Amino acid sequence: MYTASYAALPHLVQIAVQTAGPIDFGFFLLPASIEVARAGDRGPPVPDFLNASYSDAIALLMEAVNNHRAEPWDQDMVVSASAAVAVSKGHHRLAEALMNLDDDLIGKLVDLTLLD
């Protein structure tokens, strides 16, 4: 995490909002990852001159996800979009948990429900 991450994030989110048609899941995953790291004190503070544009972009993630809702999504896109929605609503731990899901962990979690 670097200050440049905070500067880049609004541009990435704006591209996701404005792009028509399918986009790469990274347009949701990278902003969510940056925000989770920031919220977990795993990076420098957001500089004052970037604070407004950064905060606005985090809130705009919901619109970016909404704009792409009708497209076909694979599992990576669903996880990334869900994490982006979570950070846009201030649920950083949930976003981090979502970003850590992979097929093996999902299988283990599903198998846990079979024990009941």
Protein backbone atom coordinates (compact mmCIF):
# COMPACT_ATOMS: atom_id res chain seq x y z
CA MET A 1 0.00 0.00 0.00
CA TYR A 2 1.29 3.38 -1.05
CA THR A 3 -0.16 6.86 -1.27
CA ALA A 4 -0.35 6.34 -5.04
CA SER A 5 -2.91 3.59 -4.40
CA TYR A 6 -5.25 6.20 -2.92
CA ALA A 7 -4.66 8.47 -5.90
CA ALA A 8 -5.33 5.69 -8.43
CA LEU A 9 -8.48 4.32 -6.81
CA PRO A 10 -10.88 7.11 -7.93
CA HIS A 11 -9.72 6.66 -11.53
CA LEU A 12 -10.27 2.90 -11.41
CA VAL A 13 -13.75 3.32 -9.98
CA GLN A 14 -14.62 5.97 -12.56
CA ILE A 15 -13.56 3.63 -15.37
CA ALA A 16 -15.76 0.91 -13.88
CA VAL A 17 -18.72 3.29 -13.67
CA GLN A 18 -18.34 4.63 -17.20
CA THR A 19 -17.43 1.45 -19.09
CA ALA A 20 -20.27 -0.16 -20.99
CA GLY A 21 -20.08 -3.91 -21.25
CA PRO A 22 -18.09 -6.44 -19.27
CA ILE A 23 -15.09 -5.36 -17.21
CA ASP A 24 -12.39 -7.30 -15.43
CA PHE A 25 -13.10 -8.29 -11.82
CA GLY A 26 -9.98 -6.33 -10.82
CA PHE A 27 -11.93 -3.09 -11.19
CA PHE A 28 -13.81 -4.17 -8.05
CA LEU A 29 -11.17 -6.26 -6.31
CA LEU A 30 -8.34 -3.72 -6.34
CA PRO A 31 -10.38 -0.84 -4.85
CA ALA A 32 -11.84 -3.21 -2.24
CA SER A 33 -8.33 -4.47 -1.39
CA ILE A 34 -6.97 -0.94 -1.06
CA GLU A 35 -9.82 0.09 1.23
CA VAL A 36 -9.54 -3.04 3.38
CA ALA A 37 -5.80 -2.40 3.79
CA ARG A 38 -6.41 1.27 4.63
CA ALA A 39 -9.09 0.43 7.18
CA GLY A 40 -6.80 -2.18 8.76
CA ASP A 41 -3.93 0.29 9.16
CA ARG A 42 -1.82 -1.64 6.66
CA GLY A 43 -0.87 1.46 4.74
CA PRO A 44 -0.22 5.15 5.16
CA PRO A 45 -3.09 7.49 5.97
CA VAL A 46 -4.94 9.00 3.03
CA PRO A 47 -3.38 12.43 2.41
CA ASP A 48 -5.70 15.37 3.03
CA PHE A 49 -5.61 16.45 -0.62
CA LEU A 50 -6.87 13.00 -1.72
CA ASN A 51 -9.36 12.38 1.06
CA ALA A 52 -12.49 13.74 -0.66
CA SER A 53 -11.92 12.06 -4.03
CA TYR A 54 -10.95 8.79 -2.32
CA SER A 55 -14.02 8.75 -0.06
CA ASP A 56 -16.32 9.67 -2.95
CA ALA A 57 -14.88 6.83 -5.03
CA ILE A 58 -15.42 4.28 -2.26
CA ALA A 59 -19.07 5.34 -2.08
CA LEU A 60 -19.29 5.16 -5.89
CA LEU A 61 -18.31 1.48 -5.89
CA MET A 62 -21.97 0.56 -5.36
CA GLU A 63 -22.92 2.38 -8.57
CA ALA A 64 -20.08 0.69 -10.44
CA VAL A 65 -21.33 -2.74 -9.36
CA ASN A 66 -24.90 -1.78 -10.17
CA ASN A 67 -23.92 -0.66 -13.68
CA HIS A 68 -22.57 -4.14 -14.44
CA ARG A 69 -25.24 -6.24 -12.73
CA ALA A 70 -26.85 -7.51 -15.95
CA GLU A 71 -23.60 -8.95 -17.32
CA PRO A 72 -22.65 -12.60 -16.88
CA TRP A 73 -20.35 -12.98 -13.87
CA ASP A 74 -18.03 -15.82 -12.97
CA GLN A 75 -17.23 -16.61 -9.35
CA ASP A 76 -14.28 -14.19 -9.25
CA MET A 77 -16.54 -11.33 -10.37
CA VAL A 78 -19.21 -12.21 -7.80
CA VAL A 79 -16.66 -12.29 -4.99
CA SER A 80 -15.02 -9.04 -6.14
CA ALA A 81 -18.30 -7.20 -6.64
CA SER A 82 -19.53 -8.40 -3.25
CA ALA A 83 -16.34 -7.19 -1.57
CA ALA A 84 -16.68 -3.82 -3.32
CA VAL A 85 -20.26 -3.47 -2.08
CA ALA A 86 -19.14 -4.42 1.43
CA VAL A 87 -16.42 -1.74 1.58
CA SER A 88 -18.75 0.86 0.06
CA LYS A 89 -21.05 0.25 3.05
CA GLY A 90 -18.22 0.22 5.61
CA HIS A 91 -18.09 -3.56 6.17
CA HIS A 92 -14.35 -4.03 5.88
CA ARG A 93 -14.06 -7.34 7.73
CA LEU A 94 -16.80 -8.86 5.58
CA ALA A 95 -15.04 -7.61 2.45
CA GLU A 96 -11.76 -9.14 3.61
CA ALA A 97 -13.48 -12.46 4.34
CA LEU A 98 -15.07 -12.44 0.90
CA MET A 99 -11.74 -11.72 -0.78
CA ASN A 100 -10.21 -14.72 1.01
CA LEU A 101 -12.79 -17.16 -0.35
CA ASP A 102 -11.52 -19.73 -2.81
CA ASP A 103 -12.94 -23.06 -3.94
CA ASP A 104 -11.21 -24.98 -1.14
CA LEU A 105 -12.46 -22.69 1.61
CA ILE A 106 -15.96 -22.57 0.14
CA GLY A 107 -15.99 -26.38 0.10
CA LYS A 108 -14.91 -26.51 3.74
CA LEU A 109 -17.59 -24.01 4.74
CA VAL A 110 -20.25 -25.94 2.86
CA ASP A 111 -19.10 -29.18 4.49
CA LEU A 112 -19.47 -27.55 7.93
CA THR A 113 -23.18 -27.15 7.32
CA LEU A 114 -23.45 -30.88 6.66
CA LEU A 115 -22.31 -31.58 10.23
CA ASP A 116 -25.52 -30.13 11.70
